[in-house]
Each structure stands twice: as structure tokens, then as C-alpha cells.
PDB file of N, CA and C in Angstrom:
ATOM      1  N   UNK A   1      -4.235   4.802  38.219  1.00  0.00           N
ATOM      2  CA  UNK A   1      -4.496   3.632  37.388  1.00  0.00           C
ATOM      3  C   UNK A   1      -5.523   3.988  36.310  1.00  0.00           C
ATOM      4  N   UNK A   2      -5.318   3.442  35.118  1.00  0.00           N
ATOM      5  CA  UNK A   2      -6.204   3.718  33.988  1.00  0.00           C
ATOM      6  C   UNK A   2      -7.456   2.861  34.095  1.00  0.00           C
ATOM      7  N   UNK A   3      -8.611   3.476  33.958  1.00  0.00           N
ATOM      8  CA  UNK A   3      -9.853   2.683  33.988  1.00  0.00           C
ATOM      9  C   UNK A   3      -9.904   1.718  32.799  1.00  0.00           C
ATOM     10  N   UNK A   4     -10.575   0.589  32.961  1.00  0.00           N
ATOM     11  CA  UNK A   4     -10.636  -0.411  31.887  1.00  0.00           C
ATOM     12  C   UNK A   4     -11.224   0.138  30.576  1.00  0.00           C
ATOM     13  N   UNK A   5     -12.193   1.033  30.684  1.00  0.00           N
ATOM     14  CA  UNK A   5     -12.808   1.593  29.471  1.00  0.00           C
ATOM     15  C   UNK A   5     -11.783   2.396  28.678  1.00  0.00           C
ATOM     16  N   UNK A   6     -10.921   3.149  29.380  1.00  0.00           N
ATOM     17  CA  UNK A   6      -9.889   3.924  28.687  1.00  0.00           C
ATOM     18  C   UNK A   6      -8.881   3.005  28.027  1.00  0.00           C
ATOM     19  N   UNK A   7      -8.542   1.936  28.722  1.00  0.00           N
ATOM     20  CA  UNK A   7      -7.593   0.972  28.170  1.00  0.00           C
ATOM     21  C   UNK A   7      -8.157   0.341  26.902  1.00  0.00           C
ATOM     22  N   UNK A   8      -9.437  -0.013  26.937  1.00  0.00           N
ATOM     23  CA  UNK A   8     -10.086  -0.605  25.768  1.00  0.00           C
ATOM     24  C   UNK A   8     -10.140   0.391  24.618  1.00  0.00           C
ATOM     25  N   UNK A   9     -10.464   1.636  24.917  1.00  0.00           N
ATOM     26  CA  UNK A   9     -10.530   2.669  23.884  1.00  0.00           C
ATOM     27  C   UNK A   9      -9.150   2.893  23.265  1.00  0.00           C
ATOM     28  N   UNK A  10      -8.122   2.947  24.105  1.00  0.00           N
ATOM     29  CA  UNK A  10      -6.758   3.134  23.587  1.00  0.00           C
ATOM     30  C   UNK A  10      -6.348   1.969  22.710  1.00  0.00           C
ATOM     31  N   UNK A  11      -6.690   0.758  23.124  1.00  0.00           N
ATOM     32  CA  UNK A  11      -6.351  -0.425  22.331  1.00  0.00           C
ATOM     33  C   UNK A  11      -7.093  -0.397  21.000  1.00  0.00           C
ATOM     34  N   UNK A  12      -8.362   0.009  21.020  1.00  0.00           N
ATOM     35  CA  UNK A  12      -9.149   0.095  19.790  1.00  0.00           C
ATOM     36  C   UNK A  12      -8.552   1.128  18.833  1.00  0.00           C
ATOM     37  N   UNK A  13      -8.141   2.264  19.375  1.00  0.00           N
ATOM     38  CA  UNK A  13      -7.505   3.300  18.549  1.00  0.00           C
ATOM     39  C   UNK A  13      -6.194   2.787  17.970  1.00  0.00           C
ATOM     40  N   UNK A  14      -5.406   2.108  18.783  1.00  0.00           N
ATOM     41  CA  UNK A  14      -4.125   1.574  18.321  1.00  0.00           C
ATOM     42  C   UNK A  14      -4.334   0.548  17.207  1.00  0.00           C
ATOM     43  N   UNK A  15      -5.307  -0.321  17.361  1.00  0.00           N
ATOM     44  CA  UNK A  15      -5.588  -1.328  16.335  1.00  0.00           C
ATOM     45  C   UNK A  15      -6.070  -0.651  15.060  1.00  0.00           C
ATOM     46  N   UNK A  16      -6.912   0.362  15.190  1.00  0.00           N
ATOM     47  CA  UNK A  16      -7.409   1.086  14.017  1.00  0.00           C
ATOM     48  C   UNK A  16      -6.265   1.755  13.267  1.00  0.00           C
ATOM     49  N   UNK A  17      -5.369   2.414  13.991  1.00  0.00           N
ATOM     50  CA  UNK A  17      -4.221   3.070  13.364  1.00  0.00           C
ATOM     51  C   UNK A  17      -3.337   2.030  12.677  1.00  0.00           C
ATOM     52  N   UNK A  18      -3.122   0.903  13.324  1.00  0.00           N
ATOM     53  CA  UNK A  18      -2.299  -0.160  12.743  1.00  0.00           C
ATOM     54  C   UNK A  18      -2.920  -0.685  11.446  1.00  0.00           C
ATOM     55  N   UNK A  19      -4.223  -0.950  11.472  1.00  0.00           N
ATOM     56  CA  UNK A  19      -4.911  -1.468  10.287  1.00  0.00           C
ATOM     57  C   UNK A  19      -4.848  -0.453   9.151  1.00  0.00           C
ATOM     58  N   UNK A  20      -5.049   0.822   9.461  1.00  0.00           N
ATOM     59  CA  UNK A  20      -4.964   1.855   8.427  1.00  0.00           C
ATOM     60  C   UNK A  20      -3.552   1.955   7.855  1.00  0.00           C
ATOM     61  N   UNK A  21      -2.546   1.831   8.708  1.00  0.00           N
ATOM     62  CA  UNK A  21      -1.160   1.884   8.237  1.00  0.00           C
ATOM     63  C   UNK A  21      -0.851   0.700   7.319  1.00  0.00           C
ATOM     64  N   UNK A  22      -1.314  -0.475   7.689  1.00  0.00           N
ATOM     65  CA  UNK A  22      -1.093  -1.665   6.856  1.00  0.00           C
ATOM     66  C   UNK A  22      -1.823  -1.509   5.523  1.00  0.00           C
ATOM     67  N   UNK A  23      -3.061  -1.012   5.567  1.00  0.00           N
ATOM     68  CA  UNK A  23      -3.826  -0.818   4.337  1.00  0.00           C
ATOM     69  C   UNK A  23      -3.137   0.203   3.427  1.00  0.00           C
ATOM     70  N   UNK A  24      -2.647   1.289   3.999  1.00  0.00           N
ATOM     71  CA  UNK A  24      -1.957   2.312   3.203  1.00  0.00           C
ATOM     72  C   UNK A  24      -0.681   1.747   2.595  1.00  0.00           C
ATOM     73  N   UNK A  25       0.041   0.927   3.351  1.00  0.00           N
ATOM     74  CA  UNK A  25       1.262   0.307   2.838  1.00  0.00           C
ATOM     75  C   UNK A  25       0.947  -0.632   1.677  1.00  0.00           C
ATOM     76  N   UNK A  26      -0.095  -1.436   1.830  1.00  0.00           N
ATOM     77  CA  UNK A  26      -0.475  -2.357   0.758  1.00  0.00           C
ATOM     78  C   UNK A  26      -0.921  -1.599  -0.492  1.00  0.00           C
ATOM     79  N   UNK A  27      -1.630  -0.498  -0.300  1.00  0.00           N
ATOM     80  CA  UNK A  27      -2.053   0.309  -1.444  1.00  0.00           C
ATOM     81  C   UNK A  27      -0.842   0.920  -2.147  1.00  0.00           C
ATOM     82  N   UNK A  28       0.135   1.377  -1.372  1.00  0.00           N
ATOM     83  CA  UNK A  28       1.346   1.956  -1.958  1.00  0.00           C
ATOM     84  C   UNK A  28       2.122   0.895  -2.736  1.00  0.00           C
ATOM     85  N   UNK A  29       2.234  -0.293  -2.186  1.00  0.00           N
ATOM     86  CA  UNK A  29       2.934  -1.387  -2.876  1.00  0.00           C
ATOM     87  C   UNK A  29       2.199  -1.741  -4.164  1.00  0.00           C
ATOM     88  N   UNK A  30       0.871  -1.817  -4.098  1.00  0.00           N
ATOM     89  CA  UNK A  30       0.087  -2.133  -5.293  1.00  0.00           C
ATOM     90  C   UNK A  30       0.281  -1.062  -6.362  1.00  0.00           C
ATOM     91  N   UNK A  31       0.306   0.204  -5.960  1.00  0.00           N
ATOM     92  CA  UNK A  31       0.504   1.300  -6.919  1.00  0.00           C
ATOM     93  C   UNK A  31       1.884   1.213  -7.552  1.00  0.00           C
ATOM     94  N   UNK A  32       2.904   0.896  -6.759  1.00  0.00           N
ATOM     95  CA  UNK A  32       4.260   0.769  -7.307  1.00  0.00           C
ATOM     96  C   UNK A  32       4.374  -0.414  -8.260  1.00  0.00           C
ATOM     97  N   UNK A  33       3.752  -1.526  -7.916  1.00  0.00           N
ATOM     98  CA  UNK A  33       3.776  -2.701  -8.795  1.00  0.00           C
ATOM     99  C   UNK A  33       3.064  -2.376 -10.103  1.00  0.00           C
ATOM    100  N   UNK A  34       1.910  -1.704 -10.012  1.00  0.00           N
ATOM    101  CA  UNK A  34       1.170  -1.331 -11.227  1.00  0.00           C
ATOM    102  C   UNK A  34       2.001  -0.388 -12.094  1.00  0.00           C
ATOM    103  N   UNK A  35       2.616   0.614 -11.462  1.00  0.00           N
ATOM    104  CA  UNK A  35       3.439   1.565 -12.215  1.00  0.00           C
ATOM    105  C   UNK A  35       4.629   0.858 -12.848  1.00  0.00           C
ATOM    106  N   UNK A  36       5.242  -0.047 -12.128  1.00  0.00           N
ATOM    107  CA  UNK A  36       6.377  -0.787 -12.661  1.00  0.00           C
ATOM    108  C   UNK A  36       5.989  -1.660 -13.836  1.00  0.00           C
ATOM    109  N   UNK A  37       4.852  -2.351 -13.720  1.00  0.00           N
ATOM    110  CA  UNK A  37       4.424  -3.218 -14.824  1.00  0.00           C
ATOM    111  C   UNK A  37       4.033  -2.385 -16.034  1.00  0.00           C
ATOM    112  N   UNK A  38       3.434  -1.229 -15.800  1.00  0.00           N
ATOM    113  CA  UNK A  38       3.083  -0.338 -16.912  1.00  0.00           C
ATOM    114  C   UNK A  38       4.342   0.167 -17.598  1.00  0.00           C
ATOM    115  N   UNK A  39       5.343   0.521 -16.821  1.00  0.00           N
ATOM    116  CA  UNK A  39       6.609   0.989 -17.388  1.00  0.00           C
ATOM    117  C   UNK A  39       7.270  -0.110 -18.218  1.00  0.00           C
ATOM    118  N   UNK A  40       7.269  -1.326 -17.694  1.00  0.00           N
ATOM    119  CA  UNK A  40       7.853  -2.452 -18.426  1.00  0.00           C
ATOM    120  C   UNK A  40       7.088  -2.680 -19.729  1.00  0.00           C
ATOM    121  N   UNK A  41       5.757  -2.605 -19.657  1.00  0.00           N
ATOM    122  CA  UNK A  41       4.937  -2.809 -20.855  1.00  0.00           C
ATOM    123  C   UNK A  41       5.237  -1.747 -21.914  1.00  0.00           C
ATOM    124  N   UNK A  42       5.316  -0.490 -21.511  1.00  0.00           N
ATOM    125  CA  UNK A  42       5.623   0.590 -22.462  1.00  0.00           C
ATOM    126  C   UNK A  42       7.026   0.421 -23.053  1.00  0.00           C
ATOM    127  N   UNK A  43       7.968   0.050 -22.207  1.00  0.00           N
ATOM    128  CA  UNK A  43       9.339  -0.151 -22.681  1.00  0.00           C
ATOM    129  C   UNK A  43       9.385  -1.297 -23.684  1.00  0.00           C
ATOM    130  N   UNK A  44       8.661  -2.388 -23.390  1.00  0.00           N
ATOM    131  CA  UNK A  44       8.615  -3.542 -24.278  1.00  0.00           C
ATOM    132  C   UNK A  44       8.021  -3.157 -25.625  1.00  0.00           C
ATOM    133  N   UNK A  45       6.901  -2.414 -25.588  1.00  0.00           N
ATOM    134  CA  UNK A  45       6.253  -1.991 -26.833  1.00  0.00           C
ATOM    135  C   UNK A  45       7.166  -1.058 -27.634  1.00  0.00           C
ATOM    136  N   UNK A  46       7.849  -0.164 -26.932  1.00  0.00           N
ATOM    137  CA  UNK A  46       8.763   0.762 -27.581  1.00  0.00           C
ATOM    138  C   UNK A  46       9.906   0.002 -28.264  1.00  0.00           C
ATOM    139  N   UNK A  47      10.482  -0.973 -27.551  1.00  0.00           N
ATOM    140  CA  UNK A  47      11.577  -1.767 -28.108  1.00  0.00           C
ATOM    141  C   UNK A  47      11.094  -2.598 -29.285  1.00  0.00           C
ATOM    142  N   UNK A  48       9.880  -3.177 -29.175  1.00  0.00           N
ATOM    143  CA  UNK A  48       9.340  -3.986 -30.252  1.00  0.00           C
ATOM    144  C   UNK A  48       9.088  -3.119 -31.495  1.00  0.00           C
ATOM    145  N   UNK A  49       8.631  -1.912 -31.292  1.00  0.00           N
ATOM    146  CA  UNK A  49       8.344  -1.017 -32.410  1.00  0.00           C
ATOM    147  C   UNK A  49       9.638  -0.628 -33.129  1.00  0.00           C
ATOM    148  N   UNK A  50      10.675  -0.371 -32.375  1.00  0.00           N
ATOM    149  CA  UNK A  50      11.954   0.032 -32.983  1.00  0.00           C
ATOM    150  C   UNK A  50      12.755  -1.137 -33.533  1.00  0.00           C
ATOM    151  N   UNK A  51      12.376  -2.351 -33.186  1.00  0.00           N
ATOM    152  CA  UNK A  51      13.091  -3.535 -33.677  1.00  0.00           C
ATOM    153  C   UNK A  51      12.624  -3.912 -35.089  1.00  0.00           C
ATOM    154  N   UNK A  52      11.514  -3.353 -35.519  1.00  0.00           N
ATOM    155  CA  UNK A  52      10.981  -3.695 -36.847  1.00  0.00           C
ATOM    156  C   UNK A  52      11.803  -3.122 -37.957  1.00  0.00           C
TER     157      UNK A  52
END
């Protein structure tokens, strides 16, 4: 049987890994959204410049 302290430590490690994974996912999504909006902005400016 696993001692309670080991169980608590394992749970703490699992929660830490989960939180880090969620944070990394949110950062990746934010980076993709930023890159996408930047691409749209550049494309818009390019189209506006050539429409003149």
C-alpha cells in the first residue's frame, strides 16, 4: 500500500504537470492567434497598397 505522503506528492506532481500543460497550450494558442492576426494585417495592408 502507498503511504499517504507518497500519494499526496504524486497528486501534487500530477496537478503541476497538468497546470503546466494547460499553460503551454494557452501560450501556443495565443501565439497562433497573434501570428494569424499579424498575417491578416499584413495581407490587408498589401491589398490596400495595391488597390491604389
